[in-house]
């Protein structure tokens, strides 16, 4: 074999090493996946074996749990069945006892039925015997009556008529005398009792005297505001009058606008609208419409609240909501300057007090008193008098006949059918006629005062007279040397009679004649 040189060896050895490296590397590359796959298979087999073992454990545990559950369910079912059997046995026992009781009752009923049949048969036999005896007695009575008619020479009917005539003649005189005595006693006591009843009602109720005006006055911060309310060419004031339905009076009175309207609710809406516009400052047609709608809503809410408060205050149950609104509208209604709602509340209280004193239904009396003037809340929009309108409203909202009759009769248009109707009439008169309740025209008031003083001064011996308390009291000063004490009483009566005969006035007028004698000396 030839011997290679060192240079050749140096070249070949690296090549051989490289080839061996490549071979070894290739084998490693080929063998690594094989070993990994083998290891993975072993791991998978181990995992499968572990899973199979766990599955066996789970199955065995599940079988044990299932057996335990089945056993418990079986025990519970057997226990429930035992309880059901016990209940069934108890129910069977109760049914058996009931059957026995029914049998006993059936036997008792059969026995009672048999005894009732025996008694019925016995009664039938007795009734037949009584009928026979009654027929025999009737024959005997008829024969006796015939004999009596022959002896008396008149029939039975003639005898009855004669007896009744004698009794009626005797009793009618006694009845007439009795009725006459009772009427005289009633007349003597009626006036006293009525005065006491009215006096008691008045003393038990006190209401503040308030008067209202038929116009509303709105204050302005300055006279410049008048021009803004009138607007350019009067467009603002025309818009207000059209929307509100009122007359706005702008005159020379400084810082004041007067609202005039026959409808008090529209007048109140106008007043509130003007005040809101003045406060807001934006016075132009669009803003006016918004303010007017807002104020209408506020007034309607105020009306409903006033009606609810009134009903609650009087303690009246079950009043229709629409009728409550009509009651609230009375807050803005006046009659001779007297507020209609205050007047109605006052009449309700007075009627209730008098009804309680007479032992009548106080709530019905208060209800009738409150609603007696309800027609005034709608007389601006409905035809007819306030009595007719009130009657229609009461019928519409289902009020009782007592309340309807009280409304219809409180001014004498209809005859009062109930005592409460008379009480409402009396309470209405009391509330309207009491001093200061209603206002009058200034001219009539002055004339009445002057006439009172003229009557007093026309008598001889009078040196001074004064009409006090708005004409409700007269004080007459007399000369003591010309009129004595007896003459003073006589003068007071004469003045009273002249006032009653010559004048028309609300309420009462008190006449006081004062006779004063003074002895005066001066020490010097």
Protein backbone atom coordinates (compact mmCIF):
# COMPACT_ATOMS: atom_id res chain seq x y z
CA UNK A 1 0.00 0.00 0.00
CA UNK A 2 1.60 3.25 -0.91
CA UNK A 3 2.32 5.60 1.93
CA UNK A 4 0.63 8.97 1.67
CA UNK A 5 2.56 12.05 2.29
CA UNK A 6 1.85 14.37 5.22
CA UNK A 7 0.35 17.05 3.02
CA UNK A 8 -2.12 14.64 1.53
CA UNK A 9 -2.99 13.39 4.94
CA UNK A 10 -3.52 16.88 6.15
CA UNK A 11 -6.01 17.41 3.34
CA UNK A 12 -7.80 14.04 3.55
CA UNK A 13 -8.23 13.98 7.34
CA UNK A 14 -10.31 17.13 7.52
CA UNK A 15 -12.43 15.85 4.66
CA UNK A 16 -12.95 12.52 6.35
CA UNK A 17 -13.77 14.26 9.61
CA UNK A 18 -16.22 16.50 7.84
CA UNK A 19 -17.87 13.55 6.13
CA UNK A 20 -18.07 11.67 9.42
CA UNK A 21 -19.53 14.76 11.05
CA UNK A 22 -22.13 15.05 8.38
CA UNK A 23 -23.01 11.36 8.68
CA UNK A 24 -23.17 11.56 12.45
CA UNK A 25 -25.24 14.79 12.26
CA UNK A 26 -27.62 13.21 9.76
CA UNK A 27 -28.05 10.16 12.00
CA UNK A 28 -28.69 12.43 14.97
CA UNK A 29 -31.25 14.45 12.98
CA UNK A 30 -32.97 11.23 11.94
CA UNK A 31 -32.82 9.58 15.35
CA UNK A 32 -33.98 12.61 17.50
CA UNK A 33 -37.60 12.56 16.20
CA UNK A 34 -37.67 8.84 16.57
CA UNK A 35 -36.59 9.05 20.19
CA UNK A 36 -39.03 11.92 20.80
CA UNK A 37 -41.89 9.94 19.22
CA UNK A 38 -41.02 6.98 21.34
CA UNK A 39 -40.93 9.09 24.49
CA UNK A 40 -44.25 10.70 23.53
CA UNK A 41 -45.81 7.29 22.96
CA UNK A 42 -44.62 6.16 26.35
CA UNK A 43 -45.94 9.31 27.96
CA UNK A 44 -49.28 8.94 26.15
CA UNK A 45 -49.56 5.33 27.19
CA UNK A 46 -48.83 6.33 30.77
CA UNK A 47 -51.44 9.14 30.59
CA UNK A 48 -53.97 6.68 29.17
CA UNK A 49 -53.24 4.21 31.93
CA UNK A 50 -53.61 6.97 34.56
CA UNK A 51 -56.87 8.11 32.95
CA UNK A 52 -58.18 4.56 32.86
CA UNK A 53 -57.33 4.17 36.53
CA UNK A 54 -59.05 7.50 37.40
CA UNK A 55 -62.02 6.54 35.28
CA UNK A 56 -62.28 3.24 37.12
CA UNK A 57 -62.16 5.14 40.43
CA UNK A 58 -64.81 7.62 39.24
CA UNK A 59 -67.08 4.83 38.00
CA UNK A 60 -66.70 2.93 41.24
CA UNK A 61 -67.38 6.13 43.29
CA UNK A 62 -70.36 6.95 41.07
CA UNK A 63 -71.70 3.43 41.53
CA UNK A 64 -71.28 3.75 45.28
CA UNK A 65 -72.92 7.23 45.31
CA UNK A 66 -75.72 5.93 43.12
CA UNK A 67 -76.33 2.99 45.39
CA UNK A 68 -76.28 5.34 48.39
CA UNK A 69 -78.72 7.75 46.68
CA UNK A 70 -81.01 4.88 45.66
CA UNK A 71 -80.94 3.61 49.19
CA UNK A 72 -81.75 7.03 50.63
CA UNK A 73 -84.54 7.59 48.09
CA UNK A 74 -85.91 4.18 48.85
CA UNK A 75 -85.86 4.93 52.58
CA UNK A 76 -87.53 8.32 52.02
CA UNK A 77 -90.15 6.77 49.72
CA UNK A 78 -90.89 4.04 52.24
CA UNK A 79 -91.21 6.67 55.00
CA UNK A 80 -93.54 8.78 52.82
CA UNK A 81 -95.59 5.71 51.99
CA UNK A 82 -95.91 4.88 55.69
CA UNK A 83 -97.08 8.47 56.38
CA UNK A 84 -99.56 8.30 53.47
CA UNK A 85 -100.86 4.97 54.73
CA UNK A 86 -101.27 6.50 58.19
CA UNK A 87 -103.15 9.49 56.78
CA UNK A 88 -105.33 7.22 54.66
CA UNK A 89 -106.07 5.12 57.68
CA UNK A 90 -106.99 8.24 59.71
CA UNK A 91 -109.22 9.50 56.88
CA UNK A 92 -110.86 6.10 56.57
CA UNK A 93 -111.49 6.18 60.31
CA UNK A 94 -113.03 9.67 60.06
CA UNK A 95 -115.17 8.59 57.12
CA UNK A 96 -116.30 5.56 59.03
CA UNK A 97 -117.22 7.74 62.02
CA UNK A 98 -119.05 10.15 59.75
CA UNK A 99 -120.96 7.31 58.16
CA UNK A 100 -121.95 6.12 61.61
CA UNK A 101 -123.04 9.65 62.58
CA UNK A 102 -125.01 9.99 59.35
CA UNK A 103 -126.67 6.66 59.99
CA UNK A 104 -127.61 7.78 63.50
CA UNK A 105 -128.90 11.14 62.20
CA UNK A 106 -130.81 9.36 59.45
CA UNK A 107 -132.43 7.14 62.00
CA UNK A 108 -133.27 10.16 64.19
CA UNK A 109 -134.70 12.03 61.20
CA UNK A 110 -136.81 9.04 60.23
CA UNK A 111 -138.09 8.90 63.78
CA UNK A 112 -138.87 12.64 63.79
CA UNK A 113 -140.52 12.38 60.38
CA UNK A 114 -142.73 9.58 61.64
CA UNK A 115 -143.65 11.59 64.74
CA UNK A 116 -144.39 14.66 62.57
CA UNK A 117 -146.62 12.59 60.32
CA UNK A 118 -148.45 11.31 63.38
CA UNK A 119 -148.86 14.88 64.70
CA UNK A 120 -150.01 16.13 61.29
CA UNK A 121 -152.60 13.43 61.13
CA UNK A 122 -153.74 14.30 64.65
CA UNK A 123 -153.94 18.02 63.78
CA UNK A 124 -155.92 17.28 60.65
CA UNK A 125 -158.42 15.31 62.70
CA UNK A 126 -158.67 18.16 65.23
CA UNK A 127 -159.07 20.76 62.46
CA UNK A 128 -161.97 18.79 61.04
CA UNK A 129 -163.54 18.66 64.49
CA UNK A 130 -162.97 22.44 64.97
CA UNK A 131 -164.51 23.17 61.57
CA UNK A 132 -167.61 21.19 62.55
CA UNK A 133 -167.82 23.02 65.91
CA UNK A 134 -167.24 26.40 64.20
CA UNK A 135 -170.06 25.72 61.74
CA UNK A 136 -172.37 24.81 64.63
CA UNK A 137 -171.35 27.96 66.59
CA UNK A 138 -171.81 30.17 63.51
CA UNK A 139 -175.31 28.79 63.04
CA UNK A 140 -176.10 29.55 66.69
CA UNK A 141 -174.59 33.11 66.39
CA UNK A 142 -176.59 33.79 63.22
CA UNK A 143 -179.79 32.66 64.91
CA UNK A 144 -179.01 34.88 67.95
CA UNK A 145 -178.31 37.89 65.67
CA UNK A 146 -181.59 37.32 63.87
CA UNK A 147 -183.41 37.24 67.19
CA UNK A 148 -181.61 40.46 68.32
CA UNK A 149 -182.47 42.26 65.09
CA UNK A 150 -186.12 41.31 65.59
CA UNK A 151 -186.05 42.65 69.17
CA UNK A 152 -184.06 45.87 68.28
CA UNK A 153 -185.93 46.42 65.02
CA UNK A 154 -182.67 47.36 63.14
CA UNK A 155 -180.00 45.49 61.19
CA UNK A 156 -176.41 44.90 62.34
CA UNK A 157 -175.03 47.52 59.94
CA UNK A 158 -177.52 50.11 61.15
CA UNK A 159 -176.50 49.38 64.77
CA UNK A 160 -172.79 49.83 63.84
CA UNK A 161 -173.49 53.11 62.05
CA UNK A 162 -175.45 54.42 65.04
CA UNK A 163 -172.66 53.47 67.46
CA UNK A 164 -169.93 55.03 65.30
CA UNK A 165 -171.93 58.24 64.88
CA UNK A 166 -172.31 58.65 68.64
CA UNK A 167 -168.64 57.90 69.30
CA UNK A 168 -167.48 60.22 66.52
CA UNK A 169 -169.65 63.08 67.79
CA UNK A 170 -168.25 62.74 71.28
CA UNK A 171 -164.60 62.19 70.33
CA UNK A 172 -164.43 64.88 67.60
CA UNK A 173 -165.18 67.60 70.16
CA UNK A 174 -162.46 66.31 72.46
CA UNK A 175 -159.96 66.07 69.56
CA UNK A 176 -160.77 69.60 68.40
CA UNK A 177 -160.29 70.97 71.92
CA UNK A 178 -157.03 69.04 72.32
CA UNK A 179 -155.67 70.27 68.96
CA UNK A 180 -156.61 73.86 69.79
CA UNK A 181 -154.80 73.69 73.13
CA UNK A 182 -151.70 72.17 71.54
CA UNK A 183 -151.66 74.78 68.77
CA UNK A 184 -151.84 77.58 71.34
CA UNK A 185 -149.02 75.99 73.37
CA UNK A 186 -146.92 75.52 70.21
CA UNK A 187 -147.42 79.15 69.17
CA UNK A 188 -146.40 80.35 72.61
CA UNK A 189 -143.25 78.23 72.71
CA UNK A 190 -142.27 78.29 69.02
CA UNK A 191 -141.03 81.89 68.93
CA UNK A 192 -139.04 81.49 72.13
CA UNK A 193 -137.51 78.18 71.02
CA UNK A 194 -136.65 79.55 67.57
CA UNK A 195 -134.96 82.64 69.04
CA UNK A 196 -133.00 80.52 71.51
CA UNK A 197 -131.93 78.17 68.73
CA UNK A 198 -130.81 80.98 66.43
CA UNK A 199 -129.06 82.77 69.29
CA UNK A 200 -127.21 79.60 70.24
CA UNK A 201 -126.13 79.00 66.65
CA UNK A 202 -124.83 82.56 66.32
CA UNK A 203 -122.90 82.45 69.60
CA UNK A 204 -121.32 79.11 68.73
CA UNK A 205 -120.04 80.35 65.38
CA UNK A 206 -117.99 83.43 64.62
CA UNK A 207 -116.80 84.35 61.15
CA UNK A 208 -114.67 87.30 60.15
CA UNK A 209 -116.48 90.00 58.19
CA UNK A 210 -114.89 90.46 54.78
CA UNK A 211 -115.96 92.50 51.79
CA UNK A 212 -114.85 92.25 48.19
CA UNK A 213 -114.76 94.70 45.33
CA UNK A 214 -116.02 94.16 41.81
CA UNK A 215 -112.86 95.56 40.26
CA UNK A 216 -109.20 94.68 40.71
CA UNK A 217 -106.41 97.22 40.90
CA UNK A 218 -102.87 96.41 39.76
CA UNK A 219 -100.05 98.60 41.07
CA UNK A 220 -97.30 99.66 38.66
CA UNK A 221 -93.68 100.41 39.58
CA UNK A 222 -93.83 103.62 37.50
CA UNK A 223 -95.97 105.39 34.91
CA UNK A 224 -93.62 104.30 32.13
CA UNK A 225 -94.97 100.76 32.61
CA UNK A 226 -98.40 101.96 31.42
CA UNK A 227 -96.94 102.68 27.98
CA UNK A 228 -95.29 99.27 27.82
CA UNK A 229 -98.53 97.54 28.75
CA UNK A 230 -100.43 99.52 26.09
CA UNK A 231 -97.72 98.72 23.53
CA UNK A 232 -97.12 100.11 20.08
CA UNK A 233 -100.45 101.24 18.66
CA UNK A 234 -102.16 99.48 21.57
CA UNK A 235 -101.31 95.92 20.43
CA UNK A 236 -100.31 94.67 23.91
CA UNK A 237 -103.44 95.92 25.68
CA UNK A 238 -105.65 94.60 22.86
CA UNK A 239 -103.99 91.19 23.14
CA UNK A 240 -104.53 91.17 26.90
CA UNK A 241 -108.20 92.15 26.61
CA UNK A 242 -108.85 89.55 23.90
CA UNK A 243 -107.13 86.70 25.76
CA UNK A 244 -108.51 87.57 29.19
CA UNK A 245 -111.99 88.86 28.29
CA UNK A 246 -111.69 91.89 30.59
CA UNK A 247 -111.56 95.67 30.29
CA UNK A 248 -108.24 97.28 31.25
CA UNK A 249 -108.81 100.86 32.39
CA UNK A 250 -105.73 103.06 32.04
CA UNK A 251 -106.58 106.55 33.33
CA UNK A 252 -104.78 109.46 34.94
CA UNK A 253 -104.42 107.68 38.28
CA UNK A 254 -100.65 107.40 38.78
CA UNK A 255 -99.03 103.96 38.84
CA UNK A 256 -102.34 102.06 38.71
CA UNK A 257 -104.26 99.98 36.14
CA UNK A 258 -107.85 98.91 36.89
CA UNK A 259 -109.18 95.54 35.72
CA UNK A 260 -112.96 95.53 35.22
CA UNK A 261 -115.03 92.42 34.41
CA UNK A 262 -118.34 90.86 35.48
CA UNK A 263 -116.65 87.44 35.78
CA UNK A 264 -114.49 87.39 38.96
CA UNK A 265 -112.42 84.42 37.78
CA UNK A 266 -111.40 86.16 34.57
CA UNK A 267 -110.68 89.27 36.62
CA UNK A 268 -108.38 87.28 38.92
CA UNK A 269 -106.57 85.69 35.96
CA UNK A 270 -106.09 89.16 34.48
CA UNK A 271 -104.69 90.53 37.75
CA UNK A 272 -102.20 87.67 38.11
CA UNK A 273 -101.20 87.93 34.44
CA UNK A 274 -100.51 91.66 34.70
CA UNK A 275 -98.47 91.23 37.88
CA UNK A 276 -96.45 88.43 36.25
CA UNK A 277 -95.83 90.48 33.09
CA UNK A 278 -94.74 93.52 35.13
CA UNK A 279 -92.35 91.35 37.13
CA UNK A 280 -91.03 89.58 33.99
CA UNK A 281 -90.60 92.81 31.99
CA UNK A 282 -90.98 91.12 28.56
CA UNK A 283 -94.35 92.56 27.49
CA UNK A 284 -95.16 91.47 23.94
CA UNK A 285 -97.99 89.39 22.40
CA UNK A 286 -96.15 86.05 22.39
CA UNK A 287 -95.05 86.37 26.01
CA UNK A 288 -98.53 87.59 26.98
CA UNK A 289 -100.09 84.37 25.66
CA UNK A 290 -97.65 82.22 27.66
CA UNK A 291 -98.25 84.16 30.89
CA UNK A 292 -102.05 84.09 30.47
CA UNK A 293 -102.08 80.30 29.95
CA UNK A 294 -99.84 79.81 32.99
CA UNK A 295 -102.06 82.03 35.16
CA UNK A 296 -105.22 80.24 33.98
CA UNK A 297 -103.68 76.95 35.07
CA UNK A 298 -102.66 78.43 38.45
CA UNK A 299 -106.16 79.83 39.06
CA UNK A 300 -107.78 76.50 38.14
CA UNK A 301 -105.46 74.71 40.56
CA UNK A 302 -106.25 77.33 43.21
CA UNK A 303 -109.99 76.81 42.62
CA UNK A 304 -109.73 73.03 43.01
CA UNK A 305 -107.57 73.39 46.14
CA UNK A 306 -110.02 75.90 47.66
CA UNK A 307 -112.88 73.46 47.06
CA UNK A 308 -110.94 70.55 48.57
CA UNK A 309 -109.91 72.62 51.59
CA UNK A 310 -113.52 73.70 52.15
CA UNK A 311 -114.85 70.13 51.97
CA UNK A 312 -112.08 68.92 54.29
CA UNK A 313 -112.68 71.81 56.69
CA UNK A 314 -116.37 70.94 56.98
CA UNK A 315 -115.68 67.19 57.13
CA UNK A 316 -118.06 66.32 54.28
CA UNK A 317 -117.55 62.91 52.60
CA UNK A 318 -117.97 61.82 49.00
CA UNK A 319 -118.48 65.03 46.97
CA UNK A 320 -118.03 64.78 43.20
CA UNK A 321 -114.70 66.25 42.01
CA UNK A 322 -116.39 68.48 39.43
CA UNK A 323 -118.75 69.78 42.11
CA UNK A 324 -115.68 70.47 44.30
CA UNK A 325 -114.40 72.73 41.49
CA UNK A 326 -117.70 74.64 41.48
CA UNK A 327 -117.36 75.07 45.26
CA UNK A 328 -113.84 76.44 44.80
CA UNK A 329 -115.07 78.94 42.18
CA UNK A 330 -117.18 80.59 44.88
CA UNK A 331 -113.87 81.91 46.28
CA UNK A 332 -113.86 84.51 43.48
CA UNK A 333 -117.60 85.28 43.58
CA UNK A 334 -119.15 88.07 45.64
CA UNK A 335 -122.71 89.04 46.49
CA UNK A 336 -123.29 92.59 47.73
CA UNK A 337 -119.57 92.66 48.54
CA UNK A 338 -119.76 89.47 50.63
CA UNK A 339 -117.49 86.60 49.54
CA UNK A 340 -119.72 83.75 48.35
CA UNK A 341 -117.43 80.94 49.59
CA UNK A 342 -117.11 82.47 53.07
CA UNK A 343 -120.88 82.99 53.11
CA UNK A 344 -121.50 79.35 52.10
CA UNK A 345 -119.10 78.03 54.76
CA UNK A 346 -120.79 80.23 57.35
CA UNK A 347 -124.26 78.98 56.35
CA UNK A 348 -122.95 75.38 56.49
CA UNK A 349 -121.65 75.83 60.03
CA UNK A 350 -124.82 77.56 61.24
CA UNK A 351 -127.04 74.89 59.64
CA UNK A 352 -124.95 72.12 61.18
CA UNK A 353 -125.09 73.68 64.65
CA UNK A 354 -128.88 74.10 64.53
CA UNK A 355 -129.33 70.58 63.13
CA UNK A 356 -127.26 69.07 65.94
CA UNK A 357 -129.35 70.93 68.52
CA UNK A 358 -132.53 69.51 66.94
CA UNK A 359 -131.14 65.95 66.71
CA UNK A 360 -130.94 65.97 62.89
CA UNK A 361 -128.16 64.77 60.59
CA UNK A 362 -125.46 67.40 60.99
CA UNK A 363 -123.48 66.37 57.88
CA UNK A 364 -126.55 66.60 55.63
CA UNK A 365 -127.35 70.05 57.06
CA UNK A 366 -123.77 71.27 56.50
CA UNK A 367 -123.78 69.83 52.98
CA UNK A 368 -127.06 71.62 52.16
CA UNK A 369 -125.74 74.87 53.67
CA UNK A 370 -122.50 74.68 51.68
CA UNK A 371 -124.25 73.98 48.37
CA UNK A 372 -127.24 76.33 48.78
CA UNK A 373 -125.55 79.05 46.65
CA UNK A 374 -123.56 76.72 44.36
CA UNK A 375 -125.45 78.17 41.37
CA UNK A 376 -123.56 81.47 41.84
CA UNK A 377 -120.36 79.73 40.73
CA UNK A 378 -121.83 79.16 37.26
CA UNK A 379 -124.40 81.96 36.80
CA UNK A 380 -121.98 83.81 34.48
CA UNK A 381 -121.99 80.91 31.99
CA UNK A 382 -125.44 79.26 32.44
CA UNK A 383 -128.92 80.64 31.88
CA UNK A 384 -131.30 81.01 34.79
CA UNK A 385 -131.18 82.24 38.37
CA UNK A 386 -128.57 80.91 40.76
CA UNK A 387 -131.31 78.84 42.45
CA UNK A 388 -132.22 77.09 39.18
CA UNK A 389 -128.58 76.58 38.23
CA UNK A 390 -127.74 75.22 41.69
CA UNK A 391 -130.65 72.78 41.53
CA UNK A 392 -129.51 71.51 38.12
CA UNK A 393 -125.92 71.06 39.33
CA UNK A 394 -127.05 69.20 42.48
CA UNK A 395 -129.22 66.84 40.44
CA UNK A 396 -126.45 66.32 37.88
CA UNK A 397 -123.91 65.27 40.51
CA UNK A 398 -126.28 63.01 42.48
CA UNK A 399 -127.04 65.06 45.59
CA UNK A 400 -129.88 63.93 47.87
CA UNK A 401 -133.45 65.24 47.75
CA UNK A 402 -132.87 67.11 51.04
CA UNK A 403 -129.94 69.08 49.57
CA UNK A 404 -131.81 69.80 46.32
CA UNK A 405 -134.90 71.02 48.19
CA UNK A 406 -132.72 73.23 50.44
CA UNK A 407 -131.16 74.84 47.34
CA UNK A 408 -134.54 75.39 45.67
CA UNK A 409 -136.31 76.75 48.76
CA UNK A 410 -133.68 78.98 50.43
CA UNK A 411 -135.13 82.07 48.69
CA UNK A 412 -138.76 80.92 48.89
CA UNK A 413 -139.02 79.86 45.22
CA UNK A 414 -140.17 76.37 46.31
CA UNK A 415 -141.96 75.21 49.43
CA UNK A 416 -139.48 73.60 51.90
CA UNK A 417 -140.25 69.90 52.39
CA UNK A 418 -137.70 69.13 55.10
CA UNK A 419 -136.69 70.68 58.42
CA UNK A 420 -133.11 71.04 57.14
CA UNK A 421 -134.42 73.22 54.28
CA UNK A 422 -135.87 75.63 56.86
CA UNK A 423 -132.59 75.59 58.79
CA UNK A 424 -130.60 76.49 55.66
CA UNK A 425 -133.05 79.33 54.93
CA UNK A 426 -132.63 80.68 58.47
CA UNK A 427 -128.82 80.33 58.36
CA UNK A 428 -128.69 82.10 54.99
CA UNK A 429 -130.67 85.01 56.43
CA UNK A 430 -128.45 85.15 59.52
CA UNK A 431 -125.25 85.19 57.47
CA UNK A 432 -126.46 87.81 55.00
CA UNK A 433 -128.22 90.14 57.44
CA UNK A 434 -125.67 90.30 60.23
CA UNK A 435 -123.98 93.70 60.60
CA UNK A 436 -121.15 94.32 58.18
CA UNK A 437 -121.66 91.16 56.19
CA UNK A 438 -122.70 92.95 53.03
CA UNK A 439 -121.64 96.30 51.61
CA UNK A 440 -123.89 98.92 50.09
CA UNK A 441 -123.55 101.75 47.66
CA UNK A 442 -122.02 104.77 49.40
CA UNK A 443 -124.88 107.11 48.42
CA UNK A 444 -127.55 104.79 49.90
CA UNK A 445 -125.46 104.36 53.02
CA UNK A 446 -125.14 108.15 53.55
CA UNK A 447 -128.85 108.69 52.92
CA UNK A 448 -129.76 106.04 55.47
CA UNK A 449 -127.49 107.58 58.12
CA UNK A 450 -128.93 111.04 57.49
CA UNK A 451 -132.49 109.70 57.65
CA UNK A 452 -131.83 108.01 60.99
CA UNK A 453 -130.46 111.18 62.54
CA UNK A 454 -133.33 113.21 61.02
CA UNK A 455 -135.92 110.93 62.68
CA UNK A 456 -134.21 111.28 66.06
CA UNK A 457 -133.83 115.08 65.85
CA UNK A 458 -137.52 115.55 64.92
CA UNK A 459 -138.66 114.86 68.51
CA UNK A 460 -138.96 117.65 71.05
CA UNK A 461 -136.46 117.47 73.86
CA UNK A 462 -133.66 115.91 71.75
CA UNK A 463 -130.56 118.05 71.55
CA UNK A 464 -128.10 115.63 69.90
CA UNK A 465 -128.21 112.26 68.05
CA UNK A 466 -125.50 110.11 66.54
CA UNK A 467 -125.65 107.13 64.15
CA UNK A 468 -122.92 104.77 65.41
CA UNK A 469 -121.35 101.57 64.03
CA UNK A 470 -122.31 102.22 60.40
CA UNK A 471 -125.93 102.90 61.31
CA UNK A 472 -126.43 99.81 63.45
CA UNK A 473 -126.80 101.84 66.66
CA UNK A 474 -128.47 105.18 67.45
CA UNK A 475 -127.52 107.24 70.49
CA UNK A 476 -130.06 109.96 71.30
CA UNK A 477 -129.13 112.62 73.89
CA UNK A 478 -132.18 114.31 75.51
CA UNK A 479 -132.58 117.36 77.75
CA UNK A 480 -133.22 115.93 81.25
CA UNK A 481 -135.40 118.88 82.33
CA UNK A 482 -137.85 118.25 79.45
CA UNK A 483 -137.91 114.43 79.27
CA UNK A 484 -138.08 112.23 82.37
CA UNK A 485 -137.12 108.54 82.72
CA UNK A 486 -140.52 107.22 81.59
CA UNK A 487 -140.46 109.65 78.65
CA UNK A 488 -137.03 108.30 77.64
CA UNK A 489 -138.41 104.74 77.32
CA UNK A 490 -141.41 106.07 75.40
CA UNK A 491 -139.14 108.08 73.06
CA UNK A 492 -136.96 105.01 72.34
CA UNK A 493 -140.05 102.96 71.40
CA UNK A 494 -141.45 105.71 69.17
CA UNK A 495 -138.14 106.12 67.32
CA UNK A 496 -137.93 102.34 66.86
CA UNK A 497 -141.46 102.17 65.41
CA UNK A 498 -140.79 105.04 62.98
CA UNK A 499 -137.59 103.39 61.78
CA UNK A 500 -139.41 100.08 61.19
CA UNK A 501 -142.28 101.79 59.32
CA UNK A 502 -140.37 104.33 57.26
CA UNK A 503 -137.00 102.75 56.43
CA UNK A 504 -135.50 99.68 54.75
CA UNK A 505 -132.22 98.44 56.24
CA UNK A 506 -130.20 95.23 56.72
CA UNK A 507 -129.89 93.61 60.13
CA UNK A 508 -130.97 95.43 63.29
CA UNK A 509 -130.69 98.99 64.62
CA UNK A 510 -130.26 99.54 68.34
CA UNK A 511 -131.84 102.74 69.74
CA UNK A 512 -130.33 104.10 72.98
CA UNK A 513 -131.91 107.18 74.59
CA UNK A 514 -129.52 108.79 77.12
CA UNK A 515 -130.85 111.11 79.78
CA UNK A 516 -128.02 112.52 81.86
CA UNK A 517 -128.29 115.11 84.63
CA UNK A 518 -125.07 116.68 85.90
CA UNK A 519 -124.66 118.83 88.97
CA UNK A 520 -121.51 120.94 88.50
CA UNK A 521 -119.89 123.33 90.97
CA UNK A 522 -116.51 125.01 90.75
CA UNK A 523 -114.33 125.52 93.80
CA UNK A 524 -112.39 128.78 93.81
